[in-house]
Protein backbone atom coordinates (compact mmCIF):
# COMPACT_ATOMS: atom_id res chain seq x y z
CA MET A 1 0.00 0.00 0.00
CA ILE A 2 1.39 3.37 -1.07
CA ASN A 3 0.85 6.34 1.15
CA LEU A 4 1.60 9.70 -0.47
CA ASN A 5 1.21 13.00 1.19
CA LEU A 6 0.77 16.34 -0.56
CA LYS A 7 4.41 17.34 -0.16
CA ASP A 8 5.64 14.16 -1.85
CA PHE A 9 3.06 14.53 -4.62
CA LEU A 10 4.15 18.11 -5.41
CA LYS A 11 7.78 17.01 -5.37
CA TYR A 12 6.92 14.27 -7.87
CA LEU A 13 5.06 16.74 -10.13
CA SER A 14 7.92 19.25 -10.01
CA ARG A 15 10.12 16.70 -11.82
CA PHE A 16 7.73 16.92 -14.81
CA LYS A 17 6.94 20.63 -14.66
CA TRP A 18 8.42 21.23 -18.12
CA LEU A 19 5.99 18.66 -19.53
CA LEU A 20 3.03 20.05 -17.59
CA ILE A 21 3.71 23.54 -18.98
CA THR A 22 4.82 22.68 -22.52
CA VAL A 23 1.94 20.41 -23.55
CA PRO A 24 -0.91 22.89 -22.86
CA VAL A 25 1.06 25.79 -24.40
CA VAL A 26 1.78 23.78 -27.59
CA PHE A 27 -1.86 22.75 -27.93
CA ALA A 28 -3.07 26.33 -27.30
CA VAL A 29 -0.78 27.65 -30.06
CA VAL A 30 -1.82 24.91 -32.50
CA THR A 31 -5.51 25.53 -31.74
CA TYR A 32 -5.10 29.27 -32.29
CA PHE A 33 -3.55 28.85 -35.73
CA MET A 34 -6.06 26.21 -36.77
CA ALA A 35 -8.99 28.42 -35.74
CA LYS A 36 -7.42 31.46 -37.42
CA THR A 37 -7.42 29.75 -40.83
CA LEU A 38 -11.06 28.62 -40.63
CA PRO A 39 -13.41 30.39 -43.04
CA LYS A 40 -15.80 32.93 -41.57
CA THR A 41 -19.19 31.31 -41.57
CA TYR A 42 -22.28 32.46 -39.78
CA THR A 43 -25.01 30.20 -38.52
CA SER A 44 -28.49 31.43 -37.86
CA THR A 45 -31.56 29.54 -36.77
CA SER A 46 -35.03 30.99 -36.76
CA LEU A 47 -38.52 29.83 -36.01
CA ILE A 48 -41.36 31.23 -38.08
CA SER A 49 -44.89 31.04 -36.85
CA THR A 50 -47.34 30.76 -39.75
CA GLY A 51 -50.53 30.32 -37.76
CA LEU A 52 -51.62 27.46 -40.01
CA ALA A 53 -51.53 24.75 -37.35
CA SER A 54 -53.19 26.95 -34.71
CA ARG A 55 -56.04 27.76 -37.10
CA PHE A 56 -56.73 24.05 -37.62
CA GLN A 57 -56.43 23.37 -33.87
CA GLN A 58 -58.89 26.17 -33.09
CA SER A 59 -61.44 24.81 -35.54
CA ALA A 60 -61.07 21.34 -34.00
CA ILE A 61 -61.60 22.72 -30.49
CA ASN A 62 -64.70 24.63 -31.54
CA GLY A 63 -66.16 21.46 -33.03
CA GLY A 64 -65.97 22.87 -36.54
CA GLU A 65 -64.43 21.25 -39.55
CA ARG A 66 -62.07 18.33 -39.15
CA MET A 67 -58.36 18.87 -39.55
CA ASP A 68 -57.26 18.11 -43.09
CA TYR A 69 -53.63 17.00 -42.69
CA PHE A 70 -53.10 16.88 -46.46
CA GLN A 71 -54.19 20.50 -46.86
CA LEU A 72 -52.07 21.60 -43.89
CA SER A 73 -49.03 19.74 -45.22
CA GLN A 74 -49.56 21.25 -48.66
CA GLN A 75 -49.74 24.78 -47.23
CA PHE A 76 -46.52 24.25 -45.27
CA GLY A 77 -44.90 22.87 -48.44
CA ASN A 78 -45.97 25.97 -50.37
CA ILE A 79 -44.45 28.25 -47.73
CA LEU A 80 -41.16 26.33 -47.77
CA GLU A 81 -40.98 26.44 -51.56
CA ARG A 82 -41.72 30.17 -51.59
CA MET A 83 -38.81 30.72 -49.20
CA LYS A 84 -36.50 28.76 -51.52
CA SER A 85 -37.86 30.40 -54.68
CA LYS A 86 -35.62 32.17 -57.13
CA ARG A 87 -37.28 35.52 -56.35
CA SER A 88 -36.67 35.19 -52.58
CA ILE A 89 -33.07 34.08 -53.06
CA ASN A 90 -32.44 36.94 -55.52
CA SER A 91 -33.78 39.39 -52.95
CA LEU A 92 -31.38 37.96 -50.38
CA SER A 93 -28.53 38.18 -52.92
CA TYR A 94 -29.24 41.86 -53.57
CA LYS A 95 -29.38 42.67 -49.86
CA LEU A 96 -26.07 40.90 -49.19
CA ILE A 97 -24.17 42.54 -52.08
CA LEU A 98 -25.64 45.95 -51.23
CA HIS A 99 -24.46 45.57 -47.64
CA ASP A 100 -20.93 44.71 -48.79
CA LEU A 101 -20.79 47.53 -51.36
CA GLU A 102 -22.21 50.20 -49.06
CA ASN A 103 -20.28 49.11 -45.95
CA PRO A 104 -16.89 47.79 -47.11
CA SER A 105 -15.44 47.92 -43.59
CA GLN A 106 -18.23 45.64 -42.30
CA ALA A 107 -18.51 43.40 -45.36
CA PHE A 108 -19.50 39.78 -44.82
CA LYS A 109 -16.87 38.61 -47.31
CA GLU A 110 -13.62 39.93 -48.72
CA PRO A 111 -14.34 42.03 -51.85
CA SER A 112 -13.82 40.12 -55.07
CA LYS A 113 -11.46 41.21 -57.83
CA LEU A 114 -14.42 42.58 -59.81
CA VAL A 115 -15.45 44.85 -56.94
CA LYS A 116 -11.89 46.01 -56.27
CA GLU A 117 -11.49 47.01 -59.92
CA LEU A 118 -14.60 49.23 -59.88
CA SER A 119 -14.17 52.97 -59.69
CA GLU A 120 -16.25 54.86 -57.13
CA GLU A 121 -18.57 56.01 -59.90
CA ASP A 122 -19.07 52.45 -61.19
CA LYS A 123 -19.58 51.19 -57.65
CA GLN A 124 -22.35 53.77 -57.14
CA ILE A 125 -23.95 52.73 -60.43
CA ALA A 126 -23.87 49.10 -59.30
CA ILE A 127 -25.41 50.02 -55.93
CA ASN A 128 -28.20 51.96 -57.65
CA GLU A 129 -28.85 49.11 -60.09
CA TYR A 130 -28.98 46.47 -57.34
CA ARG A 131 -31.26 48.70 -55.25
CA LYS A 132 -33.57 49.24 -58.25
CA ARG A 133 -33.73 45.49 -58.87
CA LEU A 134 -34.40 44.79 -55.19
CA GLU A 135 -37.30 47.24 -55.11
CA ALA A 136 -38.72 45.88 -58.37
CA GLY A 137 -38.23 42.27 -57.26
CA SER A 138 -36.62 41.43 -60.59
CA LEU A 139 -34.48 38.35 -61.21
CA ILE A 140 -30.85 38.44 -62.28
CA SER A 141 -29.14 36.34 -64.91
CA VAL A 142 -25.99 36.26 -67.03
CA ALA A 143 -27.74 38.56 -69.49
CA ASP A 144 -27.50 41.34 -66.89
CA ASN A 145 -23.74 41.63 -67.31
CA GLY A 146 -23.32 45.07 -68.87
CA ASN A 147 -20.27 46.36 -70.70
CA ARG A 148 -18.63 48.06 -67.72
CA ILE A 149 -20.46 46.61 -64.74
CA LYS A 150 -21.04 42.88 -64.59
CA LEU A 151 -23.86 42.59 -62.02
CA PHE A 152 -24.32 38.82 -62.26
CA ASP A 153 -20.57 38.10 -62.16
CA MET A 154 -20.20 40.33 -59.08
CA LEU A 155 -22.83 38.28 -57.23
CA THR A 156 -21.20 35.01 -58.29
CA ALA A 157 -17.69 36.15 -57.34
CA ALA A 158 -18.93 37.24 -53.91
CA GLY A 159 -20.69 33.90 -53.38
CA TYR A 160 -24.11 35.55 -53.24
CA ASP A 161 -25.57 33.88 -56.32
CA GLU A 162 -28.53 31.50 -56.08
CA LYS A 163 -26.47 28.32 -56.32
CA SER A 164 -24.00 29.37 -53.59
CA LEU A 165 -26.70 30.54 -51.19
CA LEU A 166 -28.89 27.45 -51.61
CA LYS A 167 -25.87 25.21 -51.00
CA ASP A 168 -25.60 26.44 -47.39
CA LEU A 169 -29.27 27.25 -46.76
CA SER A 170 -31.50 24.76 -45.00
CA ILE A 171 -35.23 25.45 -44.74
CA SER A 172 -37.40 22.76 -43.20
CA ARG A 173 -40.49 22.08 -41.18
CA SER A 174 -39.88 20.84 -37.67
CA GLY A 175 -41.75 17.55 -37.46
CA GLU A 176 -45.51 17.85 -37.72
CA SER A 177 -45.75 21.08 -35.78
């Protein structure tokens, strides 16, 4: 049976103090550099109340019509598809690129080569054009690349095009709520 007291234990640890200090420091430095090179990604979760389920529940409580699960499921499906629609994603694209162009110091992403090459006058033209398209709710395509300002290519280079946004976007219904 081994009987150690605190004094003997500390004496034993002092022999390995270099190891007890070096290992955490090395791992802290490695962790710092690994985290520094990670891409900046932002995660957001939201809960949207549509009122669809509560309307059906209220009618069931009042003894009215029976709950039609197919109709309810179809309405939820329509809402989800509307959120993923080209028009909604384009609106999001315009808002993101406008934020980056108007607030370069607070941009979500590093400006692309196309944006860096724009003069202040061209940048203002691009801002006005994106704002006009956002207000009109118009869609953007490759045909919208003008001679001087390539609106579609700017969105794609920034990663704000439909394909890039939908790749990282997840919209779903939580169970049968």
